[in-house]
């Protein structure tokens, strides 16, 4: 009877499980790096939005109208 991993050979199963664990670890590291990038980008956005609001408070822009005809 074949195992759930589809290998009759015990060494193949062990190698496959090790391969899957390594892949899972790499994906977790990649996920953490991307999460940090998203957090950094979110902080930059909040910072820039704050700067934009302070600039608008001192130098209000005229209202934007559609194209003139």
PDB file of N, CA and C in Angstrom:
ATOM      1  N   UNK A   1       0.843  -1.187   0.000  1.00  0.00           N
ATOM      2  CA  UNK A   1       0.000   0.000   0.000  1.00  0.00           C
ATOM      3  C   UNK A   1       0.883   1.243   0.000  1.00  0.00           C
ATOM      4  N   UNK A   2       0.563   2.183  -0.867  1.00  0.00           N
ATOM      5  CA  UNK A   2       1.357   3.410  -0.981  1.00  0.00           C
ATOM      6  C   UNK A   2       0.984   4.381   0.136  1.00  0.00           C
ATOM      7  N   UNK A   3       1.941   5.184   0.532  1.00  0.00           N
ATOM      8  CA  UNK A   3       1.698   6.155   1.600  1.00  0.00           C
ATOM      9  C   UNK A   3       0.957   7.374   1.045  1.00  0.00           C
ATOM     10  N   UNK A   4       0.627   8.269   1.922  1.00  0.00           N
ATOM     11  CA  UNK A   4      -0.059   9.492   1.509  1.00  0.00           C
ATOM     12  C   UNK A   4       0.818  10.355   0.613  1.00  0.00           C
ATOM     13  N   UNK A   5       2.136  10.268   0.772  1.00  0.00           N
ATOM     14  CA  UNK A   5       3.042  11.053  -0.055  1.00  0.00           C
ATOM     15  C   UNK A   5       3.281  10.404  -1.405  1.00  0.00           C
ATOM     16  N   UNK A   6       2.823   9.197  -1.610  1.00  0.00           N
ATOM     17  CA  UNK A   6       2.933   8.561  -2.910  1.00  0.00           C
ATOM     18  C   UNK A   6       4.263   7.889  -3.167  1.00  0.00           C
ATOM     19  N   UNK A   7       5.040   7.601  -2.131  1.00  0.00           N
ATOM     20  CA  UNK A   7       6.323   6.936  -2.310  1.00  0.00           C
ATOM     21  C   UNK A   7       6.327   5.629  -1.527  1.00  0.00           C
ATOM     22  N   UNK A   8       6.670   4.561  -2.196  1.00  0.00           N
ATOM     23  CA  UNK A   8       6.788   3.274  -1.521  1.00  0.00           C
ATOM     24  C   UNK A   8       8.138   3.184  -0.817  1.00  0.00           C
ATOM     25  N   UNK A   9       9.123   3.931  -1.289  1.00  0.00           N
ATOM     26  CA  UNK A   9      10.470   3.895  -0.744  1.00  0.00           C
ATOM     27  C   UNK A   9      10.569   4.868   0.433  1.00  0.00           C
ATOM     28  N   UNK A  10      10.971   4.347   1.594  1.00  0.00           N
ATOM     29  CA  UNK A  10      11.057   5.168   2.808  1.00  0.00           C
ATOM     30  C   UNK A  10      12.049   6.327   2.643  1.00  0.00           C
ATOM     31  N   UNK A  11      13.174   6.096   1.971  1.00  0.00           N
ATOM     32  CA  UNK A  11      14.155   7.165   1.765  1.00  0.00           C
ATOM     33  C   UNK A  11      13.573   8.285   0.909  1.00  0.00           C
ATOM     34  N   UNK A  12      12.777   7.922  -0.091  1.00  0.00           N
ATOM     35  CA  UNK A  12      12.141   8.940  -0.927  1.00  0.00           C
ATOM     36  C   UNK A  12      11.175   9.785  -0.104  1.00  0.00           C
ATOM     37  N   UNK A  13      10.448   9.126   0.801  1.00  0.00           N
ATOM     38  CA  UNK A  13       9.514   9.847   1.658  1.00  0.00           C
ATOM     39  C   UNK A  13      10.260  10.834   2.549  1.00  0.00           C
ATOM     40  N   UNK A  14      11.360  10.369   3.135  1.00  0.00           N
ATOM     41  CA  UNK A  14      12.141  11.222   4.031  1.00  0.00           C
ATOM     42  C   UNK A  14      12.687  12.419   3.267  1.00  0.00           C
ATOM     43  N   UNK A  15      13.225  12.183   2.084  1.00  0.00           N
ATOM     44  CA  UNK A  15      13.765  13.267   1.268  1.00  0.00           C
ATOM     45  C   UNK A  15      12.670  14.257   0.880  1.00  0.00           C
ATOM     46  N   UNK A  16      11.513  13.742   0.525  1.00  0.00           N
ATOM     47  CA  UNK A  16      10.405  14.613   0.113  1.00  0.00           C
ATOM     48  C   UNK A  16       9.919  15.462   1.281  1.00  0.00           C
ATOM     49  N   UNK A  17       9.803  14.856   2.456  1.00  0.00           N
ATOM     50  CA  UNK A  17       9.362  15.604   3.634  1.00  0.00           C
ATOM     51  C   UNK A  17      10.383  16.691   3.966  1.00  0.00           C
ATOM     52  N   UNK A  18      11.667  16.367   3.894  1.00  0.00           N
ATOM     53  CA  UNK A  18      12.710  17.361   4.153  1.00  0.00           C
ATOM     54  C   UNK A  18      12.626  18.491   3.131  1.00  0.00           C
ATOM     55  N   UNK A  19      12.378  18.139   1.882  1.00  0.00           N
ATOM     56  CA  UNK A  19      12.249  19.135   0.814  1.00  0.00           C
ATOM     57  C   UNK A  19      11.047  20.053   1.080  1.00  0.00           C
ATOM     58  N   UNK A  20       9.943  19.466   1.488  1.00  0.00           N
ATOM     59  CA  UNK A  20       8.745  20.255   1.784  1.00  0.00           C
ATOM     60  C   UNK A  20       8.965  21.181   2.980  1.00  0.00           C
ATOM     61  N   UNK A  21       9.669  20.682   4.005  1.00  0.00           N
ATOM     62  CA  UNK A  21       9.952  21.512   5.175  1.00  0.00           C
ATOM     63  C   UNK A  21      10.833  22.697   4.796  1.00  0.00           C
ATOM     64  N   UNK A  22      11.844  22.449   3.963  1.00  0.00           N
ATOM     65  CA  UNK A  22      12.729  23.527   3.524  1.00  0.00           C
ATOM     66  C   UNK A  22      11.961  24.556   2.692  1.00  0.00           C
ATOM     67  N   UNK A  23      11.110  24.064   1.808  1.00  0.00           N
ATOM     68  CA  UNK A  23      10.301  24.967   0.985  1.00  0.00           C
ATOM     69  C   UNK A  23       9.369  25.805   1.861  1.00  0.00           C
ATOM     70  N   UNK A  24       8.770  25.163   2.849  1.00  0.00           N
ATOM     71  CA  UNK A  24       7.873  25.862   3.771  1.00  0.00           C
ATOM     72  C   UNK A  24       8.629  26.945   4.541  1.00  0.00           C
ATOM     73  N   UNK A  25       9.832  26.629   5.001  1.00  0.00           N
ATOM     74  CA  UNK A  25      10.646  27.603   5.720  1.00  0.00           C
ATOM     75  C   UNK A  25      10.995  28.786   4.818  1.00  0.00           C
ATOM     76  N   UNK A  26      11.378  28.501   3.581  1.00  0.00           N
ATOM     77  CA  UNK A  26      11.702  29.572   2.634  1.00  0.00           C
ATOM     78  C   UNK A  26      10.496  30.462   2.356  1.00  0.00           C
ATOM     79  N   UNK A  27       9.331  29.855   2.228  1.00  0.00           N
ATOM     80  CA  UNK A  27       8.113  30.633   1.990  1.00  0.00           C
ATOM     81  C   UNK A  27       7.760  31.496   3.202  1.00  0.00           C
ATOM     82  N   UNK A  28       7.987  30.967   4.400  1.00  0.00           N
ATOM     83  CA  UNK A  28       7.735  31.757   5.608  1.00  0.00           C
ATOM     84  C   UNK A  28       8.669  32.959   5.670  1.00  0.00           C
ATOM     85  N   UNK A  29       9.949  32.746   5.319  1.00  0.00           N
ATOM     86  CA  UNK A  29      10.908  33.855   5.304  1.00  0.00           C
ATOM     87  C   UNK A  29      10.499  34.904   4.273  1.00  0.00           C
ATOM     88  N   UNK A  30      10.093  34.443   3.106  1.00  0.00           N
ATOM     89  CA  UNK A  30       9.655  35.356   2.048  1.00  0.00           C
ATOM     90  C   UNK A  30       8.422  36.144   2.495  1.00  0.00           C
ATOM     91  N   UNK A  31       7.504  35.457   3.151  1.00  0.00           N
ATOM     92  CA  UNK A  31       6.288  36.097   3.653  1.00  0.00           C
ATOM     93  C   UNK A  31       6.631  37.167   4.688  1.00  0.00           C
ATOM     94  N   UNK A  32       7.565  36.855   5.594  1.00  0.00           N
ATOM     95  CA  UNK A  32       7.971  37.829   6.606  1.00  0.00           C
ATOM     96  C   UNK A  32       8.612  39.051   5.955  1.00  0.00           C
ATOM     97  N   UNK A  33       9.454  38.835   4.951  1.00  0.00           N
ATOM     98  CA  UNK A  33      10.106  39.951   4.262  1.00  0.00           C
ATOM     99  C   UNK A  33       9.071  40.829   3.565  1.00  0.00           C
ATOM    100  N   UNK A  34       8.103  40.212   2.923  1.00  0.00           N
ATOM    101  CA  UNK A  34       7.063  40.978   2.231  1.00  0.00           C
ATOM    102  C   UNK A  34       6.176  41.718   3.223  1.00  0.00           C
ATOM    103  N   UNK A  35       5.903  41.099   4.353  1.00  0.00           N
ATOM    104  CA  UNK A  35       5.109  41.756   5.389  1.00  0.00           C
ATOM    105  C   UNK A  35       5.833  42.996   5.897  1.00  0.00           C
ATOM    106  N   UNK A  36       7.156  42.884   6.098  1.00  0.00           N
ATOM    107  CA  UNK A  36       7.944  44.049   6.520  1.00  0.00           C
ATOM    108  C   UNK A  36       7.900  45.146   5.461  1.00  0.00           C
ATOM    109  N   UNK A  37       7.991  44.768   4.198  1.00  0.00           N
ATOM    110  CA  UNK A  37       7.931  45.758   3.115  1.00  0.00           C
ATOM    111  C   UNK A  37       6.587  46.484   3.120  1.00  0.00           C
ATOM    112  N   UNK A  38       5.517  45.740   3.323  1.00  0.00           N
ATOM    113  CA  UNK A  38       4.178  46.344   3.368  1.00  0.00           C
ATOM    114  C   UNK A  38       4.072  47.295   4.559  1.00  0.00           C
ATOM    115  N   UNK A  39       4.585  46.870   5.717  1.00  0.00           N
ATOM    116  CA  UNK A  39       4.538  47.729   6.901  1.00  0.00           C
ATOM    117  C   UNK A  39       5.346  49.005   6.684  1.00  0.00           C
ATOM    118  N   UNK A  40       6.537  48.869   6.102  1.00  0.00           N
ATOM    119  CA  UNK A  40       7.369  50.047   5.818  1.00  0.00           C
ATOM    120  C   UNK A  40       6.662  50.985   4.844  1.00  0.00           C
ATOM    121  N   UNK A  41       6.071  50.427   3.800  1.00  0.00           N
ATOM    122  CA  UNK A  41       5.362  51.245   2.811  1.00  0.00           C
ATOM    123  C   UNK A  41       4.164  51.939   3.457  1.00  0.00           C
ATOM    124  N   UNK A  42       3.455  51.237   4.322  1.00  0.00           N
ATOM    125  CA  UNK A  42       2.300  51.835   5.004  1.00  0.00           C
ATOM    126  C   UNK A  42       2.737  52.994   5.887  1.00  0.00           C
ATOM    127  N   UNK A  43       3.855  52.826   6.605  1.00  0.00           N
ATOM    128  CA  UNK A  43       4.372  53.916   7.442  1.00  0.00           C
ATOM    129  C   UNK A  43       4.768  55.119   6.586  1.00  0.00           C
ATOM    130  N   UNK A  44       5.401  54.853   5.442  1.00  0.00           N
ATOM    131  CA  UNK A  44       5.791  55.953   4.551  1.00  0.00           C
ATOM    132  C   UNK A  44       4.565  56.684   4.025  1.00  0.00           C
ATOM    133  N   UNK A  45       3.527  55.940   3.687  1.00  0.00           N
ATOM    134  CA  UNK A  45       2.290  56.559   3.190  1.00  0.00           C
ATOM    135  C   UNK A  45       1.691  57.464   4.254  1.00  0.00           C
ATOM    136  N   UNK A  46       1.598  56.962   5.482  1.00  0.00           N
ATOM    137  CA  UNK A  46       1.036  57.765   6.572  1.00  0.00           C
ATOM    138  C   UNK A  46       1.876  59.021   6.776  1.00  0.00           C
ATOM    139  N   UNK A  47       3.199  58.863   6.746  1.00  0.00           N
ATOM    140  CA  UNK A  47       4.101  60.002   6.914  1.00  0.00           C
ATOM    141  C   UNK A  47       3.889  61.027   5.804  1.00  0.00           C
ATOM    142  N   UNK A  48       3.833  60.569   4.563  1.00  0.00           N
ATOM    143  CA  UNK A  48       3.647  61.480   3.432  1.00  0.00           C
ATOM    144  C   UNK A  48       2.273  62.142   3.453  1.00  0.00           C
ATOM    145  N   UNK A  49       1.249  61.394   3.870  1.00  0.00           N
ATOM    146  CA  UNK A  49      -0.080  61.995   3.975  1.00  0.00           C
ATOM    147  C   UNK A  49      -0.079  63.110   5.015  1.00  0.00           C
ATOM    148  N   UNK A  50       0.634  62.886   6.127  1.00  0.00           N
ATOM    149  CA  UNK A  50       0.746  63.926   7.148  1.00  0.00           C
ATOM    150  C   UNK A  50       1.456  65.156   6.619  1.00  0.00           C
ATOM    151  N   UNK A  51       2.540  64.944   5.880  1.00  0.00           N
ATOM    152  CA  UNK A  51       3.264  66.074   5.289  1.00  0.00           C
ATOM    153  C   UNK A  51       2.388  66.818   4.288  1.00  0.00           C
ATOM    154  N   UNK A  52       1.636  66.077   3.488  1.00  0.00           N
ATOM    155  CA  UNK A  52       0.750  66.700   2.509  1.00  0.00           C
ATOM    156  C   UNK A  52      -0.303  67.556   3.198  1.00  0.00           C
ATOM    157  N   UNK A  53      -0.876  67.046   4.271  1.00  0.00           N
ATOM    158  CA  UNK A  53      -1.886  67.816   5.003  1.00  0.00           C
ATOM    159  C   UNK A  53      -1.284  69.089   5.587  1.00  0.00           C
ATOM    160  N   UNK A  54      -0.054  69.007   6.098  1.00  0.00           N
ATOM    161  CA  UNK A  54       0.558  70.218   6.662  1.00  0.00           C
ATOM    162  C   UNK A  54       0.873  71.227   5.563  1.00  0.00           C
ATOM    163  N   UNK A  55       1.258  70.757   4.392  1.00  0.00           N
ATOM    164  CA  UNK A  55       1.504  71.662   3.264  1.00  0.00           C
ATOM    165  C   UNK A  55       0.199  72.310   2.822  1.00  0.00           C
ATOM    166  N   UNK A  56      -0.859  71.529   2.749  1.00  0.00           N
ATOM    167  CA  UNK A  56      -2.161  72.073   2.345  1.00  0.00           C
ATOM    168  C   UNK A  56      -2.664  73.115   3.341  1.00  0.00           C
ATOM    169  N   UNK A  57      -2.334  72.932   4.617  1.00  0.00           N
ATOM    170  CA  UNK A  57      -2.779  73.884   5.634  1.00  0.00           C
ATOM    171  C   UNK A  57      -2.135  75.253   5.410  1.00  0.00           C
ATOM    172  N   UNK A  58      -0.898  75.275   4.944  1.00  0.00           N
ATOM    173  CA  UNK A  58      -0.195  76.542   4.719  1.00  0.00           C
ATOM    174  C   UNK A  58      -0.379  77.072   3.307  1.00  0.00           C
ATOM    175  N   UNK A  59      -0.580  76.198   2.349  1.00  0.00           N
ATOM    176  CA  UNK A  59      -0.699  76.591   0.942  1.00  0.00           C
ATOM    177  C   UNK A  59      -1.891  75.874   0.310  1.00  0.00           C
ATOM    178  N   UNK A  60      -3.093  76.348   0.593  1.00  0.00           N
ATOM    179  CA  UNK A  60      -4.246  75.651   0.011  1.00  0.00           C
ATOM    180  C   UNK A  60      -4.241  75.764  -1.513  1.00  0.00           C
ATOM    181  N   UNK A  61      -4.526  74.666  -2.133  1.00  0.00           N
ATOM    182  CA  UNK A  61      -4.599  74.630  -3.591  1.00  0.00           C
ATOM    183  C   UNK A  61      -5.980  75.079  -4.030  1.00  0.00           C
ATOM    184  N   UNK A  62      -6.064  75.757  -5.175  1.00  0.00           N
ATOM    185  CA  UNK A  62      -7.395  76.121  -5.678  1.00  0.00           C
ATOM    186  C   UNK A  62      -8.155  74.851  -6.056  1.00  0.00           C
ATOM    187  N   UNK A  63      -9.469  74.909  -6.026  1.00  0.00           N
ATOM    188  CA  UNK A  63     -10.237  73.710  -6.383  1.00  0.00           C
ATOM    189  C   UNK A  63      -9.944  73.287  -7.818  1.00  0.00           C
ATOM    190  N   UNK A  64      -9.975  72.011  -8.032  1.00  0.00           N
ATOM    191  CA  UNK A  64      -9.713  71.464  -9.367  1.00  0.00           C
ATOM    192  C   UNK A  64     -11.028  71.406 -10.130  1.00  0.00           C
ATOM    193  N   UNK A  65     -11.034  71.999 -11.306  1.00  0.00           N
ATOM    194  CA  UNK A  65     -12.219  71.980 -12.161  1.00  0.00           C
ATOM    195  C   UNK A  65     -11.945  71.071 -13.341  1.00  0.00           C
ATOM    196  N   UNK A  66     -12.995  70.667 -14.002  1.00  0.00           N
ATOM    197  CA  UNK A  66     -12.858  69.849 -15.207  1.00  0.00           C
ATOM    198  C   UNK A  66     -12.192  70.639 -16.320  1.00  0.00           C
ATOM    199  N   UNK A  67     -11.935  70.018 -17.443  1.00  0.00           N
ATOM    200  CA  UNK A  67     -11.290  70.716 -18.560  1.00  0.00           C
ATOM    201  C   UNK A  67     -12.142  71.889 -19.039  1.00  0.00           C
ATOM    202  N   UNK A  68     -11.473  73.001 -19.312  1.00  0.00           N
ATOM    203  CA  UNK A  68     -12.209  74.182 -19.781  1.00  0.00           C
ATOM    204  C   UNK A  68     -12.575  74.008 -21.248  1.00  0.00           C
ATOM    205  N   UNK A  69     -13.705  74.593 -21.613  1.00  0.00           N
ATOM    206  CA  UNK A  69     -14.191  74.440 -22.999  1.00  0.00           C
ATOM    207  C   UNK A  69     -14.112  75.718 -23.742  1.00  0.00           C
TER     208      UNK A  69
END
